[in-house]
PDB file of N, CA and C in Angstrom:
ATOM      1  N   UNK A   1      15.328 -28.088 -25.421  1.00  0.00           N
ATOM      2  CA  UNK A   1      15.526 -29.210 -24.542  1.00  0.00           C
ATOM      3  C   UNK A   1      15.111 -30.470 -25.283  1.00  0.00           C
ATOM      4  N   UNK A   2      15.900 -31.519 -25.178  1.00  0.00           N
ATOM      5  CA  UNK A   2      15.625 -32.763 -25.891  1.00  0.00           C
ATOM      6  C   UNK A   2      14.776 -33.678 -25.029  1.00  0.00           C
ATOM      7  N   UNK A   3      14.143 -34.665 -25.648  1.00  0.00           N
ATOM      8  CA  UNK A   3      13.267 -35.598 -24.942  1.00  0.00           C
ATOM      9  C   UNK A   3      14.043 -36.387 -23.887  1.00  0.00           C
ATOM     10  N   UNK A   4      15.304 -36.751 -24.158  1.00  0.00           N
ATOM     11  CA  UNK A   4      16.113 -37.498 -23.191  1.00  0.00           C
ATOM     12  C   UNK A   4      16.306 -36.699 -21.903  1.00  0.00           C
ATOM     13  N   UNK A   5      16.468 -35.403 -22.009  1.00  0.00           N
ATOM     14  CA  UNK A   5      16.679 -34.554 -20.843  1.00  0.00           C
ATOM     15  C   UNK A   5      15.424 -34.489 -19.979  1.00  0.00           C
ATOM     16  N   UNK A   6      14.260 -34.551 -20.609  1.00  0.00           N
ATOM     17  CA  UNK A   6      13.017 -34.479 -19.863  1.00  0.00           C
ATOM     18  C   UNK A   6      12.786 -35.731 -19.031  1.00  0.00           C
ATOM     19  N   UNK A   7      13.269 -36.869 -19.498  1.00  0.00           N
ATOM     20  CA  UNK A   7      13.063 -38.122 -18.790  1.00  0.00           C
ATOM     21  C   UNK A   7      13.983 -38.267 -17.584  1.00  0.00           C
ATOM     22  N   UNK A   8      15.064 -37.528 -17.554  1.00  0.00           N
ATOM     23  CA  UNK A   8      16.038 -37.652 -16.470  1.00  0.00           C
ATOM     24  C   UNK A   8      15.553 -36.876 -15.249  1.00  0.00           C
ATOM     25  N   UNK A   9      15.550 -37.540 -14.053  1.00  0.00           N
ATOM     26  CA  UNK A   9      15.089 -36.838 -12.842  1.00  0.00           C
ATOM     27  C   UNK A   9      15.966 -35.639 -12.522  1.00  0.00           C
ATOM     28  N   UNK A  10      15.383 -34.644 -11.883  1.00  0.00           N
ATOM     29  CA  UNK A  10      16.106 -33.425 -11.522  1.00  0.00           C
ATOM     30  C   UNK A  10      17.258 -33.744 -10.594  1.00  0.00           C
ATOM     31  N   UNK A  11      17.056 -34.651  -9.634  1.00  0.00           N
ATOM     32  CA  UNK A  11      18.108 -35.017  -8.685  1.00  0.00           C
ATOM     33  C   UNK A  11      19.324 -35.578  -9.407  1.00  0.00           C
ATOM     34  N   UNK A  12      19.096 -36.417 -10.396  1.00  0.00           N
ATOM     35  CA  UNK A  12      20.206 -37.013 -11.132  1.00  0.00           C
ATOM     36  C   UNK A  12      21.001 -35.943 -11.864  1.00  0.00           C
ATOM     37  N   UNK A  13      20.326 -34.953 -12.405  1.00  0.00           N
ATOM     38  CA  UNK A  13      21.025 -33.882 -13.094  1.00  0.00           C
ATOM     39  C   UNK A  13      21.909 -33.112 -12.126  1.00  0.00           C
ATOM     40  N   UNK A  14      21.425 -32.857 -10.924  1.00  0.00           N
ATOM     41  CA  UNK A  14      22.200 -32.106  -9.935  1.00  0.00           C
ATOM     42  C   UNK A  14      23.426 -32.885  -9.502  1.00  0.00           C
ATOM     43  N   UNK A  15      23.315 -34.190  -9.330  1.00  0.00           N
ATOM     44  CA  UNK A  15      24.443 -35.016  -8.912  1.00  0.00           C
ATOM     45  C   UNK A  15      25.494 -35.063 -10.014  1.00  0.00           C
ATOM     46  N   UNK A  16      25.077 -35.179 -11.260  1.00  0.00           N
ATOM     47  CA  UNK A  16      26.021 -35.240 -12.359  1.00  0.00           C
ATOM     48  C   UNK A  16      26.796 -33.927 -12.502  1.00  0.00           C
ATOM     49  N   UNK A  17      26.176 -32.813 -12.162  1.00  0.00           N
ATOM     50  CA  UNK A  17      26.830 -31.523 -12.296  1.00  0.00           C
ATOM     51  C   UNK A  17      27.924 -31.332 -11.243  1.00  0.00           C
ATOM     52  N   UNK A  18      27.828 -32.060 -10.138  1.00  0.00           N
ATOM     53  CA  UNK A  18      28.811 -31.953  -9.061  1.00  0.00           C
ATOM     54  C   UNK A  18      30.104 -32.643  -9.478  1.00  0.00           C
ATOM     55  N   UNK A  19      31.222 -32.029  -9.157  1.00  0.00           N
ATOM     56  CA  UNK A  19      32.520 -32.610  -9.506  1.00  0.00           C
ATOM     57  C   UNK A  19      32.724 -33.910  -8.739  1.00  0.00           C
ATOM     58  N   UNK A  20      33.330 -34.912  -9.373  1.00  0.00           N
ATOM     59  CA  UNK A  20      33.569 -36.167  -8.666  1.00  0.00           C
ATOM     60  C   UNK A  20      34.558 -35.957  -7.518  1.00  0.00           C
ATOM     61  N   UNK A  21      34.362 -36.681  -6.416  1.00  0.00           N
ATOM     62  CA  UNK A  21      35.261 -36.505  -5.277  1.00  0.00           C
ATOM     63  C   UNK A  21      36.670 -36.978  -5.614  1.00  0.00           C
ATOM     64  N   UNK A  22      37.625 -36.354  -4.969  1.00  0.00           N
ATOM     65  CA  UNK A  22      39.013 -36.740  -5.160  1.00  0.00           C
ATOM     66  C   UNK A  22      39.197 -38.147  -4.605  1.00  0.00           C
ATOM     67  N   UNK A  23      39.825 -39.016  -5.360  1.00  0.00           N
ATOM     68  CA  UNK A  23      40.000 -40.405  -4.935  1.00  0.00           C
ATOM     69  C   UNK A  23      41.329 -40.551  -4.208  1.00  0.00           C
ATOM     70  N   UNK A  24      41.274 -41.114  -3.028  1.00  0.00           N
ATOM     71  CA  UNK A  24      42.461 -41.354  -2.236  1.00  0.00           C
ATOM     72  C   UNK A  24      42.331 -42.737  -1.632  1.00  0.00           C
ATOM     73  N   UNK A  25      43.234 -43.620  -1.971  1.00  0.00           N
ATOM     74  CA  UNK A  25      43.161 -45.006  -1.527  1.00  0.00           C
ATOM     75  C   UNK A  25      43.300 -45.143  -0.011  1.00  0.00           C
ATOM     76  N   UNK A  26      43.828 -44.137   0.674  1.00  0.00           N
ATOM     77  CA  UNK A  26      43.975 -44.207   2.127  1.00  0.00           C
ATOM     78  C   UNK A  26      42.641 -44.045   2.838  1.00  0.00           C
ATOM     79  N   UNK A  27      41.671 -43.407   2.195  1.00  0.00           N
ATOM     80  CA  UNK A  27      40.385 -43.147   2.828  1.00  0.00           C
ATOM     81  C   UNK A  27      39.475 -44.361   2.727  1.00  0.00           C
ATOM     82  N   UNK A  28      38.647 -44.548   3.740  1.00  0.00           N
ATOM     83  CA  UNK A  28      37.632 -45.585   3.751  1.00  0.00           C
ATOM     84  C   UNK A  28      36.281 -44.897   3.841  1.00  0.00           C
ATOM     85  N   UNK A  29      35.242 -45.548   3.344  1.00  0.00           N
ATOM     86  CA  UNK A  29      33.892 -45.009   3.388  1.00  0.00           C
ATOM     87  C   UNK A  29      33.202 -45.457   4.664  1.00  0.00           C
ATOM     88  N   UNK A  30      32.493 -44.544   5.291  1.00  0.00           N
ATOM     89  CA  UNK A  30      31.668 -44.852   6.454  1.00  0.00           C
ATOM     90  C   UNK A  30      30.308 -44.222   6.242  1.00  0.00           C
ATOM     91  N   UNK A  31      29.283 -44.881   6.715  1.00  0.00           N
ATOM     92  CA  UNK A  31      27.925 -44.358   6.604  1.00  0.00           C
ATOM     93  C   UNK A  31      27.391 -44.167   8.014  1.00  0.00           C
ATOM     94  N   UNK A  32      26.860 -42.985   8.287  1.00  0.00           N
ATOM     95  CA  UNK A  32      26.247 -42.686   9.576  1.00  0.00           C
ATOM     96  C   UNK A  32      24.755 -42.501   9.383  1.00  0.00           C
ATOM     97  N   UNK A  33      23.992 -42.973  10.321  1.00  0.00           N
ATOM     98  CA  UNK A  33      22.553 -42.759  10.281  1.00  0.00           C
ATOM     99  C   UNK A  33      22.228 -41.610  11.230  1.00  0.00           C
ATOM    100  N   UNK A  34      21.397 -40.694  10.765  1.00  0.00           N
ATOM    101  CA  UNK A  34      21.009 -39.536  11.577  1.00  0.00           C
ATOM    102  C   UNK A  34      19.491 -39.388  11.522  1.00  0.00           C
ATOM    103  N   UNK A  35      18.938 -38.734  12.529  1.00  0.00           N
ATOM    104  CA  UNK A  35      17.510 -38.451  12.506  1.00  0.00           C
ATOM    105  C   UNK A  35      17.191 -37.568  11.306  1.00  0.00           C
ATOM    106  N   UNK A  36      16.044 -37.799  10.717  1.00  0.00           N
ATOM    107  CA  UNK A  36      15.614 -37.013   9.582  1.00  0.00           C
ATOM    108  C   UNK A  36      15.573 -35.531   9.955  1.00  0.00           C
ATOM    109  N   UNK A  37      16.143 -34.718   9.103  1.00  0.00           N
ATOM    110  CA  UNK A  37      16.176 -33.283   9.342  1.00  0.00           C
ATOM    111  C   UNK A  37      17.430 -32.813  10.064  1.00  0.00           C
ATOM    112  N   UNK A  38      18.243 -33.738  10.554  1.00  0.00           N
ATOM    113  CA  UNK A  38      19.455 -33.369  11.285  1.00  0.00           C
ATOM    114  C   UNK A  38      20.728 -33.691  10.506  1.00  0.00           C
ATOM    115  N   UNK A  39      20.599 -34.066   9.253  1.00  0.00           N
ATOM    116  CA  UNK A  39      21.754 -34.460   8.453  1.00  0.00           C
ATOM    117  C   UNK A  39      22.792 -33.343   8.358  1.00  0.00           C
ATOM    118  N   UNK A  40      22.333 -32.119   8.080  1.00  0.00           N
ATOM    119  CA  UNK A  40      23.252 -30.988   7.959  1.00  0.00           C
ATOM    120  C   UNK A  40      23.966 -30.701   9.274  1.00  0.00           C
ATOM    121  N   UNK A  41      23.241 -30.804  10.352  1.00  0.00           N
ATOM    122  CA  UNK A  41      23.817 -30.558  11.677  1.00  0.00           C
ATOM    123  C   UNK A  41      24.917 -31.587  11.978  1.00  0.00           C
ATOM    124  N   UNK A  42      24.684 -32.839  11.627  1.00  0.00           N
ATOM    125  CA  UNK A  42      25.689 -33.888  11.832  1.00  0.00           C
ATOM    126  C   UNK A  42      26.925 -33.597  10.983  1.00  0.00           C
ATOM    127  N   UNK A  43      26.714 -33.217   9.719  1.00  0.00           N
ATOM    128  CA  UNK A  43      27.842 -32.893   8.844  1.00  0.00           C
ATOM    129  C   UNK A  43      28.652 -31.728   9.413  1.00  0.00           C
ATOM    130  N   UNK A  44      27.969 -30.677   9.859  1.00  0.00           N
ATOM    131  CA  UNK A  44      28.661 -29.521  10.431  1.00  0.00           C
ATOM    132  C   UNK A  44      29.448 -29.901  11.680  1.00  0.00           C
ATOM    133  N   UNK A  45      28.871 -30.770  12.489  1.00  0.00           N
ATOM    134  CA  UNK A  45      29.542 -31.226  13.710  1.00  0.00           C
ATOM    135  C   UNK A  45      30.810 -32.010  13.367  1.00  0.00           C
ATOM    136  N   UNK A  46      30.704 -32.902  12.403  1.00  0.00           N
ATOM    137  CA  UNK A  46      31.881 -33.685  11.987  1.00  0.00           C
ATOM    138  C   UNK A  46      32.957 -32.753  11.445  1.00  0.00           C
ATOM    139  N   UNK A  47      32.567 -31.825  10.573  1.00  0.00           N
ATOM    140  CA  UNK A  47      33.539 -30.909   9.982  1.00  0.00           C
ATOM    141  C   UNK A  47      34.211 -30.024  11.028  1.00  0.00           C
ATOM    142  N   UNK A  48      33.458 -29.572  12.041  1.00  0.00           N
ATOM    143  CA  UNK A  48      34.066 -28.734  13.079  1.00  0.00           C
ATOM    144  C   UNK A  48      35.025 -29.547  13.950  1.00  0.00           C
ATOM    145  N   UNK A  49      34.694 -30.802  14.207  1.00  0.00           N
ATOM    146  CA  UNK A  49      35.593 -31.660  14.989  1.00  0.00           C
ATOM    147  C   UNK A  49      36.861 -31.990  14.209  1.00  0.00           C
ATOM    148  N   UNK A  50      36.720 -32.190  12.920  1.00  0.00           N
ATOM    149  CA  UNK A  50      37.900 -32.429  12.072  1.00  0.00           C
ATOM    150  C   UNK A  50      38.843 -31.235  12.175  1.00  0.00           C
ATOM    151  N   UNK A  51      38.279 -30.059  12.095  1.00  0.00           N
ATOM    152  CA  UNK A  51      39.061 -28.822  12.191  1.00  0.00           C
ATOM    153  C   UNK A  51      39.692 -28.677  13.579  1.00  0.00           C
ATOM    154  N   UNK A  52      38.898 -28.888  14.632  1.00  0.00           N
ATOM    155  CA  UNK A  52      39.360 -28.690  16.006  1.00  0.00           C
ATOM    156  C   UNK A  52      40.460 -29.668  16.414  1.00  0.00           C
ATOM    157  N   UNK A  53      40.364 -30.894  15.934  1.00  0.00           N
ATOM    158  CA  UNK A  53      41.326 -31.916  16.342  1.00  0.00           C
ATOM    159  C   UNK A  53      42.421 -32.156  15.301  1.00  0.00           C
ATOM    160  N   UNK A  54      42.465 -31.333  14.259  1.00  0.00           N
ATOM    161  CA  UNK A  54      43.520 -31.449  13.253  1.00  0.00           C
ATOM    162  C   UNK A  54      43.498 -32.770  12.505  1.00  0.00           C
ATOM    163  N   UNK A  55      42.318 -33.198  12.099  1.00  0.00           N
ATOM    164  CA  UNK A  55      42.182 -34.489  11.425  1.00  0.00           C
ATOM    165  C   UNK A  55      41.972 -34.366   9.919  1.00  0.00           C
ATOM    166  N   UNK A  56      42.333 -33.234   9.351  1.00  0.00           N
ATOM    167  CA  UNK A  56      42.103 -32.987   7.921  1.00  0.00           C
ATOM    168  C   UNK A  56      42.729 -34.085   7.051  1.00  0.00           C
ATOM    169  N   UNK A  57      43.860 -34.606   7.468  1.00  0.00           N
ATOM    170  CA  UNK A  57      44.527 -35.649   6.681  1.00  0.00           C
ATOM    171  C   UNK A  57      43.880 -37.026   6.859  1.00  0.00           C
ATOM    172  N   UNK A  58      42.984 -37.170   7.829  1.00  0.00           N
ATOM    173  CA  UNK A  58      42.355 -38.462   8.101  1.00  0.00           C
ATOM    174  C   UNK A  58      40.892 -38.523   7.679  1.00  0.00           C
ATOM    175  N   UNK A  59      40.275 -37.363   7.459  1.00  0.00           N
ATOM    176  CA  UNK A  59      38.862 -37.317   7.073  1.00  0.00           C
ATOM    177  C   UNK A  59      38.762 -36.632   5.715  1.00  0.00           C
ATOM    178  N   UNK A  60      38.150 -37.316   4.781  1.00  0.00           N
ATOM    179  CA  UNK A  60      38.016 -36.766   3.427  1.00  0.00           C
ATOM    180  C   UNK A  60      36.832 -35.854   3.304  1.00  0.00           C
ATOM    181  N   UNK A  61      35.867 -36.276   2.557  1.00  0.00           N
ATOM    182  CA  UNK A  61      34.704 -35.471   2.237  1.00  0.00           C
ATOM    183  C   UNK A  61      33.506 -35.965   3.038  1.00  0.00           C
ATOM    184  N   UNK A  62      32.787 -35.066   3.673  1.00  0.00           N
ATOM    185  CA  UNK A  62      31.570 -35.418   4.410  1.00  0.00           C
ATOM    186  C   UNK A  62      30.394 -35.046   3.524  1.00  0.00           C
ATOM    187  N   UNK A  63      29.586 -36.046   3.166  1.00  0.00           N
ATOM    188  CA  UNK A  63      28.490 -35.813   2.239  1.00  0.00           C
ATOM    189  C   UNK A  63      27.170 -36.207   2.884  1.00  0.00           C
ATOM    190  N   UNK A  64      26.101 -35.512   2.475  1.00  0.00           N
ATOM    191  CA  UNK A  64      24.748 -35.893   2.889  1.00  0.00           C
ATOM    192  C   UNK A  64      23.925 -36.089   1.631  1.00  0.00           C
ATOM    193  N   UNK A  65      22.926 -36.976   1.696  1.00  0.00           N
ATOM    194  CA  UNK A  65      22.128 -37.221   0.501  1.00  0.00           C
ATOM    195  C   UNK A  65      21.261 -36.014   0.161  1.00  0.00           C
ATOM    196  N   UNK A  66      20.931 -35.840  -1.114  1.00  0.00           N
ATOM    197  CA  UNK A  66      20.054 -34.729  -1.492  1.00  0.00           C
ATOM    198  C   UNK A  66      18.632 -34.979  -0.978  1.00  0.00           C
ATOM    199  N   UNK A  67      17.897 -33.905  -0.758  1.00  0.00           N
ATOM    200  CA  UNK A  67      16.488 -34.034  -0.335  1.00  0.00           C
ATOM    201  C   UNK A  67      15.682 -34.639  -1.460  1.00  0.00           C
ATOM    202  N   UNK A  68      14.728 -35.434  -1.089  1.00  0.00           N
ATOM    203  CA  UNK A  68      13.886 -36.069  -2.122  1.00  0.00           C
ATOM    204  C   UNK A  68      12.570 -35.398  -2.209  1.00  0.00           C
TER     205      UNK A  68
END
């Protein structure tokens, strides 16, 4: 392991390993605020509603921030 790798935070390494999201000019970014600890539940709820209402073409990727 090189010295540069040791200085880089673990979170940054995990984000870099993730594939970049598909870019689609039709999509807009929205930010939702949720109670701490309920982020996953909100994401699951959004994803299930997208599925139930057939909105796959209108909703892109639902992301939550990594735990700190």
